[in-house]
Amino acid sequence: MSSLWDELIHELGTVRALSAAALEARTETSRVALITLLDAETAEIAAILDQILREAQTTSAA
């Protein structure tokens, strides 16, 4: 499960970087592209959190 936490931390860092870049974007096209990437990253974070929850439930049931 440790690798999942590492992945989660990496994804959160990516979201922070994309957010900062979106705030500094000079064109609407760039901003929209970065927001689209943010959406994909947040979906990945949700998937990682779901997997962490499933593993935690499996561990506690054992």
N, C-alpha and C. Protein backbone atom coordinates (compact mmCIF):
# COMPACT_ATOMS: atom_id res chain seq x y z
N MET A 1 0.83 -1.19 0.00
CA MET A 1 0.00 0.00 0.00
C MET A 1 0.88 1.26 0.00
N SER A 2 2.09 1.12 0.45
CA SER A 2 3.01 2.25 0.48
C SER A 2 3.21 2.87 -0.90
N SER A 3 3.25 2.02 -1.93
CA SER A 3 3.43 2.56 -3.28
C SER A 3 2.22 3.38 -3.72
N LEU A 4 1.03 3.01 -3.24
CA LEU A 4 -0.16 3.80 -3.55
C LEU A 4 -0.06 5.19 -2.93
N TRP A 5 0.44 5.25 -1.71
CA TRP A 5 0.61 6.55 -1.06
C TRP A 5 1.65 7.39 -1.82
N ASP A 6 2.70 6.73 -2.28
CA ASP A 6 3.71 7.44 -3.08
C ASP A 6 3.09 7.99 -4.35
N GLU A 7 2.26 7.18 -5.00
CA GLU A 7 1.57 7.62 -6.22
C GLU A 7 0.66 8.81 -5.92
N LEU A 8 -0.06 8.71 -4.81
CA LEU A 8 -0.98 9.78 -4.42
C LEU A 8 -0.23 11.09 -4.19
N ILE A 9 0.87 11.02 -3.49
CA ILE A 9 1.68 12.21 -3.23
C ILE A 9 2.19 12.80 -4.54
N HIS A 10 2.62 11.94 -5.45
CA HIS A 10 3.08 12.41 -6.76
C HIS A 10 1.96 13.12 -7.51
N GLU A 11 0.78 12.52 -7.52
CA GLU A 11 -0.36 13.11 -8.23
C GLU A 11 -0.77 14.44 -7.62
N LEU A 12 -0.73 14.54 -6.30
CA LEU A 12 -1.07 15.80 -5.65
C LEU A 12 -0.07 16.89 -6.02
N GLY A 13 1.20 16.53 -6.11
CA GLY A 13 2.22 17.49 -6.56
C GLY A 13 1.97 17.94 -7.98
N THR A 14 1.56 17.00 -8.82
CA THR A 14 1.25 17.33 -10.21
C THR A 14 0.07 18.30 -10.28
N VAL A 15 -0.95 18.05 -9.47
CA VAL A 15 -2.12 18.94 -9.44
C VAL A 15 -1.70 20.35 -9.00
N ARG A 16 -0.86 20.43 -8.00
CA ARG A 16 -0.38 21.76 -7.55
C ARG A 16 0.35 22.49 -8.66
N ALA A 17 1.21 21.77 -9.37
CA ALA A 17 1.98 22.38 -10.45
C ALA A 17 1.06 22.82 -11.60
N LEU A 18 0.12 21.96 -11.96
CA LEU A 18 -0.82 22.31 -13.03
C LEU A 18 -1.70 23.49 -12.63
N SER A 19 -2.10 23.53 -11.38
CA SER A 19 -2.92 24.65 -10.90
C SER A 19 -2.16 25.96 -10.99
N ALA A 20 -0.91 25.94 -10.56
CA ALA A 20 -0.08 27.14 -10.63
C ALA A 20 0.11 27.57 -12.08
N ALA A 21 0.35 26.61 -12.94
CA ALA A 21 0.54 26.93 -14.36
C ALA A 21 -0.75 27.50 -14.96
N ALA A 22 -1.89 26.95 -14.58
CA ALA A 22 -3.16 27.45 -15.10
C ALA A 22 -3.41 28.88 -14.67
N LEU A 23 -3.03 29.20 -13.44
CA LEU A 23 -3.20 30.56 -12.95
C LEU A 23 -2.31 31.55 -13.71
N GLU A 24 -1.17 31.08 -14.17
CA GLU A 24 -0.23 31.94 -14.87
C GLU A 24 -0.37 31.89 -16.40
N ALA A 25 -1.26 31.04 -16.88
CA ALA A 25 -1.42 30.88 -18.33
C ALA A 25 -1.76 32.21 -19.00
N ARG A 26 -1.13 32.45 -20.12
CA ARG A 26 -1.32 33.72 -20.80
C ARG A 26 -2.48 33.71 -21.80
N THR A 27 -2.86 32.51 -22.22
CA THR A 27 -3.96 32.45 -23.19
C THR A 27 -5.06 31.54 -22.66
N GLU A 28 -6.24 31.78 -23.15
CA GLU A 28 -7.38 30.95 -22.76
C GLU A 28 -7.17 29.51 -23.21
N THR A 29 -6.57 29.32 -24.37
CA THR A 29 -6.32 27.98 -24.89
C THR A 29 -5.40 27.20 -23.95
N SER A 30 -4.36 27.85 -23.48
CA SER A 30 -3.44 27.20 -22.53
C SER A 30 -4.14 26.89 -21.23
N ARG A 31 -4.93 27.82 -20.76
CA ARG A 31 -5.65 27.63 -19.50
C ARG A 31 -6.61 26.43 -19.61
N VAL A 32 -7.33 26.36 -20.71
CA VAL A 32 -8.26 25.25 -20.91
C VAL A 32 -7.51 23.92 -20.98
N ALA A 33 -6.39 23.89 -21.67
CA ALA A 33 -5.59 22.67 -21.76
C ALA A 33 -5.12 22.23 -20.38
N LEU A 34 -4.66 23.16 -19.58
CA LEU A 34 -4.18 22.83 -18.25
C LEU A 34 -5.33 22.37 -17.35
N ILE A 35 -6.47 22.99 -17.47
CA ILE A 35 -7.63 22.57 -16.68
C ILE A 35 -8.08 21.17 -17.10
N THR A 36 -7.98 20.86 -18.37
CA THR A 36 -8.30 19.51 -18.84
C THR A 36 -7.35 18.49 -18.22
N LEU A 37 -6.07 18.84 -18.16
CA LEU A 37 -5.09 17.95 -17.51
C LEU A 37 -5.40 17.82 -16.02
N LEU A 38 -5.80 18.91 -15.38
CA LEU A 38 -6.18 18.86 -13.96
C LEU A 38 -7.34 17.89 -13.75
N ASP A 39 -8.30 17.94 -14.64
CA ASP A 39 -9.45 17.04 -14.53
C ASP A 39 -8.99 15.58 -14.59
N ALA A 40 -8.10 15.28 -15.50
CA ALA A 40 -7.59 13.91 -15.63
C ALA A 40 -6.81 13.50 -14.38
N GLU A 41 -6.01 14.40 -13.86
CA GLU A 41 -5.22 14.10 -12.65
C GLU A 41 -6.12 13.88 -11.45
N THR A 42 -7.18 14.67 -11.31
CA THR A 42 -8.07 14.48 -10.16
C THR A 42 -8.82 13.15 -10.28
N ALA A 43 -9.12 12.72 -11.50
CA ALA A 43 -9.74 11.40 -11.69
C ALA A 43 -8.76 10.31 -11.25
N GLU A 44 -7.49 10.49 -11.57
CA GLU A 44 -6.48 9.53 -11.14
C GLU A 44 -6.37 9.48 -9.62
N ILE A 45 -6.42 10.65 -9.00
CA ILE A 45 -6.37 10.72 -7.53
C ILE A 45 -7.55 9.97 -6.93
N ALA A 46 -8.73 10.18 -7.49
CA ALA A 46 -9.92 9.48 -7.00
C ALA A 46 -9.76 7.97 -7.12
N ALA A 47 -9.19 7.52 -8.23
CA ALA A 47 -8.98 6.08 -8.42
C ALA A 47 -7.98 5.53 -7.41
N ILE A 48 -6.93 6.28 -7.14
CA ILE A 48 -5.93 5.85 -6.15
C ILE A 48 -6.56 5.77 -4.77
N LEU A 49 -7.36 6.79 -4.42
CA LEU A 49 -8.02 6.78 -3.12
C LEU A 49 -8.99 5.62 -2.98
N ASP A 50 -9.71 5.30 -4.06
CA ASP A 50 -10.60 4.14 -4.04
C ASP A 50 -9.82 2.86 -3.79
N GLN A 51 -8.67 2.75 -4.45
CA GLN A 51 -7.84 1.55 -4.29
C GLN A 51 -7.30 1.46 -2.86
N ILE A 52 -6.87 2.59 -2.31
CA ILE A 52 -6.39 2.60 -0.92
C ILE A 52 -7.50 2.16 0.02
N LEU A 53 -8.70 2.67 -0.21
CA LEU A 53 -9.84 2.29 0.63
C LEU A 53 -10.15 0.81 0.52
N ARG A 54 -10.16 0.28 -0.69
CA ARG A 54 -10.42 -1.16 -0.88
C ARG A 54 -9.37 -2.01 -0.17
N GLU A 55 -8.10 -1.61 -0.31
CA GLU A 55 -7.03 -2.38 0.36
C GLU A 55 -7.15 -2.30 1.88
N ALA A 56 -7.53 -1.13 2.39
CA ALA A 56 -7.69 -0.97 3.82
C ALA A 56 -8.84 -1.83 4.33
N GLN A 57 -9.93 -1.89 3.57
CA GLN A 57 -11.07 -2.72 3.97
C GLN A 57 -10.71 -4.19 3.93
N THR A 58 -9.94 -4.60 2.92
CA THR A 58 -9.51 -6.00 2.82
C THR A 58 -8.60 -6.36 3.99
N THR A 59 -7.71 -5.46 4.33
CA THR A 59 -6.77 -5.70 5.44
C THR A 59 -7.52 -5.80 6.77
N SER A 60 -8.49 -4.91 6.98
CA SER A 60 -9.21 -4.92 8.25
C SER A 60 -10.15 -6.12 8.35
N ALA A 61 -10.60 -6.66 7.22
CA ALA A 61 -11.48 -7.83 7.23
C ALA A 61 -10.71 -9.11 7.49
N ALA A 62 -9.41 -9.08 7.24
CA ALA A 62 -8.58 -10.29 7.41
C ALA A 62 -8.25 -10.59 8.83
